[in-house]
């Protein structure tokens, strides 16, 4: 699969279970806690500044945003979980919108599970990983904000995550920085591999 990353747009927004796209073009879903950097990462991957919506109030956005890439695949930004100050009704809505995204969705090819390098695997992250393992959903782990740690701290963080028994054996784990672009090529390669044949180089061709 070859992708022109310059041809990207916000094509669909789902705020209710009935609005999800459940078939058709392949989908790669980005999952993680609030403020883990999902939207920033999508912008970084596509080399855009403001395509993905970066909320100024983490935990408030409860929509599933579908970004169409070269009319060939969707990058799907799921609402963040684990925001402590979210009202109970908002948490219930988050669960309904997010859980329903995965139900009877034949288009999902990969889940990019984001974990904050500075924070590590939280209880909510652990729940999500257990669910992905239980449902046998294909996923990779992306450790975000790696530029905020020095080499020693980053190595320790990576070691803890790699050795975690929560992560399915053989899972791709990438250290990523939206600020520096570290890990970008590895993530692009994984996305292209999940959705079709090709390479990161092919993904960036015009």
Foldseek 3Di string as FASTA:
>chain_A
DFFALLPKAFDAKAQALVRADQDDAAEEEEAEAWPLCPQLVSCLLSVHDPRRPDDPDTPPDQMWIWMQTRVHYTYIYHHHDDDVPDDPVSNVSSCRRVVSNPPNRPRYQEYEYEDELVVAQDPVNLVVLQVCVVVVGHYAYEHEPLVVDDPVSNVVSVVCVVPDPSHDPPHHYFYAYSVPGGRSQVVCQVVCVSRHDDGSVSHNDD
